[in-house]
Structure formats: C-alpha cells, structure tokens
Amino acid sequence: MLVTFSSKADMDVMMMEKDARQVLTAAGKITGPEIPERGVFTVEQIDEALHSLQLAIGQESASMDRHPDDQDEDEDDRKPKTKEVVLLAQRASPLMQMMRKSKQANAPVMWETGSGW
C-alpha cells in the first residue's frame, strides 16, 4: 500500500507503507504498527516533527558508526559482499523538505493511505 503526503506548498510525496511507518514513527505521529487512513501535521506541529526526525536520523547515524557492516569478501575479491541500506535520512528527506515549505506557506501536511492509483 502507498501513503501519499500532500500540501498546498509542494508536490505530493509517496512512500510505501513500511517506509511511511518508519518516518511517521520517527516524527512522533504514530506509536503502533497501524498507519491511520488519514492524518495531518498541523503548521504548529511541523517544527516538533522536524526536530524528532532530526534526532532519529542522528541516532541512526551514530548507531551505524558504532556498528559498521562486517564485509566478508569472497576468495577471488571480484564479488565483495555488500548490503544496500537506505537510511532514514534518505527516506525522510522529501517529506522534511515538504514540511519546511509548508511551514513557510503556513499550510498543513496531510497524508492518506491507499493504492495511489
């Protein structure tokens, strides 16, 4: 399922449900496993949500620094084993940009779950 974030201040941002859950949890909007069908970041809530996201991004970065991936290389060194990781900072960046624009435009950021089609 897709989650669509929208604001009059910027283009829509779409995320897969599990990615949106991670971002919404880090922003302090949800605490359980379910994403409400609709939700909103009011203009007054945007600063706190951005702050919470920045803290979560910093914690993830610090955790990555403490526990770097152990990379085992094959015997022939032609195929190193790597794990592709998408960080919270990368996932949250488009939404955070929307939040900043929305704050300046005095517009809320809303989300809605659905297929996106």
C-alpha atoms as a PDB file:
ATOM      1  CA  MET A   1       0.000   0.000   0.000  1.00  0.00           C
ATOM      2  CA  LEU A   2       1.110   3.553  -0.672  1.00  0.00           C
ATOM      3  CA  VAL A   3       0.927   6.549   1.633  1.00  0.00           C
ATOM      4  CA  THR A   4       0.598   9.930  -0.066  1.00  0.00           C
ATOM      5  CA  PHE A   5       1.715  13.070   1.744  1.00  0.00           C
ATOM      6  CA  SER A   6       0.297  16.300   0.353  1.00  0.00           C
ATOM      7  CA  SER A   7       0.460  20.012   0.998  1.00  0.00           C
ATOM      8  CA  LYS A   8      -0.574  23.100  -0.892  1.00  0.00           C
ATOM      9  CA  ALA A   9       3.046  24.238  -0.590  1.00  0.00           C
ATOM     10  CA  ASP A  10       4.720  21.388  -2.502  1.00  0.00           C
ATOM     11  CA  MET A  11       4.264  18.372  -4.772  1.00  0.00           C
ATOM     12  CA  ASP A  12       2.929  15.126  -3.308  1.00  0.00           C
ATOM     13  CA  VAL A  13       5.362  12.695  -1.715  1.00  0.00           C
ATOM     14  CA  MET A  14       4.545   8.989  -1.961  1.00  0.00           C
ATOM     15  CA  MET A  15       6.041   6.222   0.165  1.00  0.00           C
ATOM     16  CA  MET A  16       5.476   2.537   0.576  1.00  0.00           C
ATOM     17  CA  GLU A  17       3.603   1.741   3.786  1.00  0.00           C
ATOM     18  CA  LYS A  18       6.568   0.292   5.708  1.00  0.00           C
ATOM     19  CA  ASP A  19       8.744   3.295   4.836  1.00  0.00           C
ATOM     20  CA  ALA A  20       5.997   5.760   5.753  1.00  0.00           C
ATOM     21  CA  ARG A  21       5.507   3.910   9.054  1.00  0.00           C
ATOM     22  CA  GLN A  22       9.200   4.355   9.860  1.00  0.00           C
ATOM     23  CA  VAL A  23       9.088   8.075   9.038  1.00  0.00           C
ATOM     24  CA  LEU A  24       5.798   8.739  10.855  1.00  0.00           C
ATOM     25  CA  THR A  25       7.051   6.887  13.935  1.00  0.00           C
ATOM     26  CA  ALA A  26      10.287   8.892  13.940  1.00  0.00           C
ATOM     27  CA  ALA A  27       8.258  12.102  13.553  1.00  0.00           C
ATOM     28  CA  GLY A  28       6.178  11.186  16.598  1.00  0.00           C
ATOM     29  CA  LYS A  29       2.856  10.887  14.754  1.00  0.00           C
ATOM     30  CA  ILE A  30       2.197   7.173  15.276  1.00  0.00           C
ATOM     31  CA  THR A  31       3.166   4.759  18.018  1.00  0.00           C
ATOM     32  CA  GLY A  32       1.694   1.461  16.863  1.00  0.00           C
ATOM     33  CA  PRO A  33       2.011  -0.724  13.798  1.00  0.00           C
ATOM     34  CA  GLU A  34      -1.012   0.745  12.006  1.00  0.00           C
ATOM     35  CA  ILE A  35      -0.985   3.953   9.972  1.00  0.00           C
ATOM     36  CA  PRO A  36      -4.260   5.853  10.266  1.00  0.00           C
ATOM     37  CA  GLU A  37      -6.100   6.135   6.946  1.00  0.00           C
ATOM     38  CA  ARG A  38      -5.716   9.918   7.102  1.00  0.00           C
ATOM     39  CA  GLY A  39      -3.603  12.215   9.203  1.00  0.00           C
ATOM     40  CA  VAL A  40      -2.170  15.685   9.409  1.00  0.00           C
ATOM     41  CA  PHE A  41       0.832  17.622  10.608  1.00  0.00           C
ATOM     42  CA  THR A  42      -0.634  20.979  11.549  1.00  0.00           C
ATOM     43  CA  VAL A  43       1.528  24.044  10.983  1.00  0.00           C
ATOM     44  CA  GLU A  44       2.075  24.155  14.749  1.00  0.00           C
ATOM     45  CA  GLN A  45       3.278  20.504  14.798  1.00  0.00           C
ATOM     46  CA  ILE A  46       5.759  20.779  11.925  1.00  0.00           C
ATOM     47  CA  ASP A  47       8.701  22.152  13.938  1.00  0.00           C
ATOM     48  CA  GLU A  48       8.403  19.412  16.557  1.00  0.00           C
ATOM     49  CA  ALA A  49       8.074  16.726  13.860  1.00  0.00           C
ATOM     50  CA  LEU A  50      11.172  18.035  12.051  1.00  0.00           C
ATOM     51  CA  HIS A  51      13.090  18.070  15.341  1.00  0.00           C
ATOM     52  CA  SER A  52      12.021  14.481  16.116  1.00  0.00           C
ATOM     53  CA  LEU A  53      13.053  13.347  12.643  1.00  0.00           C
ATOM     54  CA  GLN A  54      16.458  15.020  13.000  1.00  0.00           C
ATOM     55  CA  LEU A  55      17.001  13.278  16.357  1.00  0.00           C
ATOM     56  CA  ALA A  56      16.070   9.892  14.881  1.00  0.00           C
ATOM     57  CA  ILE A  57      18.379  10.480  11.914  1.00  0.00           C
ATOM     58  CA  GLY A  58      21.213  11.399  14.286  1.00  0.00           C
ATOM     59  CA  GLN A  59      20.617   8.275  16.379  1.00  0.00           C
ATOM     60  CA  GLU A  60      20.625   6.070  13.297  1.00  0.00           C
ATOM     61  CA  SER A  61      23.838   7.684  12.083  1.00  0.00           C
ATOM     62  CA  ALA A  62      25.511   7.195  15.461  1.00  0.00           C
ATOM     63  CA  SER A  63      24.392   3.568  15.519  1.00  0.00           C
ATOM     64  CA  MET A  64      25.810   2.997  12.030  1.00  0.00           C
ATOM     65  CA  ASP A  65      29.140   4.498  13.144  1.00  0.00           C
ATOM     66  CA  ARG A  66      29.311   2.171  16.170  1.00  0.00           C
ATOM     67  CA  HIS A  67      28.351  -0.952  14.215  1.00  0.00           C
ATOM     68  CA  PRO A  68      29.737  -0.777  10.680  1.00  0.00           C
ATOM     69  CA  ASP A  69      28.705  -3.685   8.469  1.00  0.00           C
ATOM     70  CA  ASP A  70      31.172  -6.514   8.508  1.00  0.00           C
ATOM     71  CA  GLN A  71      32.008  -7.056   4.874  1.00  0.00           C
ATOM     72  CA  ASP A  72      33.260 -10.524   4.088  1.00  0.00           C
ATOM     73  CA  GLU A  73      34.941 -10.740   0.739  1.00  0.00           C
ATOM     74  CA  ASP A  74      34.894 -13.781  -1.482  1.00  0.00           C
ATOM     75  CA  GLU A  75      38.153 -15.576  -2.026  1.00  0.00           C
ATOM     76  CA  ASP A  76      38.586 -14.153  -5.519  1.00  0.00           C
ATOM     77  CA  ASP A  77      37.943 -10.496  -4.446  1.00  0.00           C
ATOM     78  CA  ARG A  78      35.789  -9.935  -7.537  1.00  0.00           C
ATOM     79  CA  LYS A  79      32.483 -10.098  -5.687  1.00  0.00           C
ATOM     80  CA  PRO A  80      32.613  -8.269  -2.381  1.00  0.00           C
ATOM     81  CA  LYS A  81      29.533  -8.834  -0.287  1.00  0.00           C
ATOM     82  CA  THR A  82      27.757  -5.559   0.351  1.00  0.00           C
ATOM     83  CA  LYS A  83      24.391  -4.768   1.794  1.00  0.00           C
ATOM     84  CA  GLU A  84      22.382  -1.922   0.310  1.00  0.00           C
ATOM     85  CA  VAL A  85      20.937   0.175   3.112  1.00  0.00           C
ATOM     86  CA  VAL A  86      18.541   3.075   2.684  1.00  0.00           C
ATOM     87  CA  LEU A  87      18.908   5.379   5.655  1.00  0.00           C
ATOM     88  CA  LEU A  88      16.113   7.217   7.427  1.00  0.00           C
ATOM     89  CA  ALA A  89      17.694  10.486   6.289  1.00  0.00           C
ATOM     90  CA  GLN A  90      17.198   9.417   2.670  1.00  0.00           C
ATOM     91  CA  ARG A  91      13.633   8.226   3.203  1.00  0.00           C
ATOM     92  CA  ALA A  92      12.558  11.282   5.187  1.00  0.00           C
ATOM     93  CA  SER A  93      14.278  13.952   3.097  1.00  0.00           C
ATOM     94  CA  PRO A  94      11.419  14.625   0.612  1.00  0.00           C
ATOM     95  CA  LEU A  95       8.861  14.813   3.425  1.00  0.00           C
ATOM     96  CA  MET A  96      11.095  17.072   5.513  1.00  0.00           C
ATOM     97  CA  GLN A  97      11.507  19.387   2.518  1.00  0.00           C
ATOM     98  CA  MET A  98       7.706  19.446   2.134  1.00  0.00           C
ATOM     99  CA  MET A  99       7.336  20.245   5.836  1.00  0.00           C
ATOM    100  CA  ARG A 100       9.744  23.177   5.614  1.00  0.00           C
ATOM    101  CA  LYS A 101       7.930  24.619   2.588  1.00  0.00           C
ATOM    102  CA  SER A 102       4.592  24.068   4.295  1.00  0.00           C
ATOM    103  CA  LYS A 103       5.753  25.835   7.427  1.00  0.00           C
ATOM    104  CA  GLN A 104       6.800  28.854   5.347  1.00  0.00           C
ATOM    105  CA  ALA A 105       3.479  28.821   3.468  1.00  0.00           C
ATOM    106  CA  ASN A 106       1.502  28.316   6.694  1.00  0.00           C
ATOM    107  CA  ALA A 107      -0.044  25.147   5.240  1.00  0.00           C
ATOM    108  CA  PRO A 108      -0.568  21.755   6.906  1.00  0.00           C
ATOM    109  CA  VAL A 109       0.922  18.491   5.618  1.00  0.00           C
ATOM    110  CA  MET A 110      -1.661  15.733   5.257  1.00  0.00           C
ATOM    111  CA  TRP A 111      -1.367  12.058   4.479  1.00  0.00           C
ATOM    112  CA  GLU A 112      -3.716   9.447   3.136  1.00  0.00           C
ATOM    113  CA  THR A 113      -3.289   5.727   2.687  1.00  0.00           C
ATOM    114  CA  GLY A 114      -4.421   3.958  -0.434  1.00  0.00           C
ATOM    115  CA  SER A 115      -3.258   2.390  -3.631  1.00  0.00           C
ATOM    116  CA  GLY A 116      -2.119   5.653  -5.190  1.00  0.00           C
ATOM    117  CA  TRP A 117      -3.822   4.823  -8.454  1.00  0.00           C
END
